[in-house]
Amino acid sequence: MRTRFLAFAAALVLAALGAAVPVAQAAVPAVPGPTCTAAGGAVEYDSGTGQWTCKGGDNDGELITES
């Protein structure tokens, strides 16, 4: 009985964490690629995160939403 309760509690915690990840990613500021380059930045791929980011310029460090 105790094992079933612990497994159920672990499943609830994992489900809650899984639902929170997209919300956290959506909260990060993002700009289109042309906006990044027009502001003096460069669009670069970050292999550590697997995402495109703006390096330099006014939007330094922001995620790229589209090319």
Protein backbone atom coordinates (compact mmCIF):
# COMPACT_ATOMS: atom_id res chain seq x y z
CA MET A 1 0.00 0.00 0.00
CA ARG A 2 2.78 2.43 0.93
CA THR A 3 4.62 1.69 -2.34
CA ARG A 4 1.53 2.48 -4.39
CA PHE A 5 1.06 5.80 -2.59
CA LEU A 6 4.70 6.79 -3.15
CA ALA A 7 4.48 5.86 -6.83
CA PHE A 8 1.29 7.88 -7.22
CA ALA A 9 2.82 10.89 -5.44
CA ALA A 10 5.94 10.67 -7.63
CA ALA A 11 3.77 10.55 -10.76
CA LEU A 12 1.89 13.66 -9.65
CA VAL A 13 5.11 15.56 -8.99
CA LEU A 14 6.58 14.59 -12.36
CA ALA A 15 3.36 15.57 -14.15
CA ALA A 16 3.38 18.97 -12.45
CA LEU A 17 7.02 19.57 -13.40
CA GLY A 18 6.36 18.50 -16.97
CA ALA A 19 3.49 20.96 -17.28
CA ALA A 20 5.56 23.82 -15.87
CA VAL A 21 8.46 23.55 -18.36
CA PRO A 22 6.65 25.02 -21.43
CA VAL A 23 5.34 27.88 -19.29
CA ALA A 24 8.87 28.74 -18.15
CA GLN A 25 10.16 28.68 -21.72
CA ALA A 26 7.34 30.93 -22.90
CA ALA A 27 8.26 33.53 -20.29
CA VAL A 28 11.69 34.08 -21.88
CA PRO A 29 11.79 37.16 -24.18
CA ALA A 30 12.04 36.26 -27.87
CA VAL A 31 12.61 38.23 -31.07
CA PRO A 32 12.47 37.42 -34.79
CA GLY A 33 15.81 36.90 -36.54
CA PRO A 34 15.57 40.07 -38.70
CA THR A 35 14.93 42.19 -35.60
CA CYS A 36 18.07 40.77 -34.00
CA THR A 37 20.29 41.53 -36.99
CA ALA A 38 18.75 44.98 -37.54
CA ALA A 39 19.66 45.89 -33.95
CA GLY A 40 23.32 44.99 -34.49
CA GLY A 41 23.21 41.39 -33.32
CA ALA A 42 23.91 38.05 -34.94
CA VAL A 43 21.70 34.95 -34.94
CA GLU A 44 23.64 32.00 -33.52
CA TYR A 45 22.79 28.40 -32.63
CA ASP A 46 23.54 27.42 -29.04
CA SER A 47 24.27 23.69 -29.03
CA GLY A 48 24.11 23.61 -25.23
CA THR A 49 20.44 24.57 -25.18
CA GLY A 50 19.50 23.50 -28.70
CA GLN A 51 18.03 26.92 -29.46
CA TRP A 52 18.78 29.89 -31.68
CA THR A 53 19.74 33.06 -29.80
CA CYS A 54 20.66 36.63 -30.60
CA LYS A 55 24.28 37.47 -29.78
CA GLY A 56 25.23 41.13 -29.42
CA GLY A 57 23.23 44.24 -30.23
CA ASP A 58 20.12 45.43 -28.42
CA ASN A 59 18.62 41.95 -28.06
CA ASP A 60 21.68 40.11 -26.75
CA GLY A 61 20.83 36.72 -25.26
CA GLU A 62 17.18 36.64 -26.37
CA LEU A 63 15.70 33.60 -28.11
CA ILE A 64 14.94 33.73 -31.81
CA THR A 65 11.31 33.00 -32.70
CA GLU A 66 11.61 32.80 -36.51
CA SER A 67 14.12 33.45 -39.26
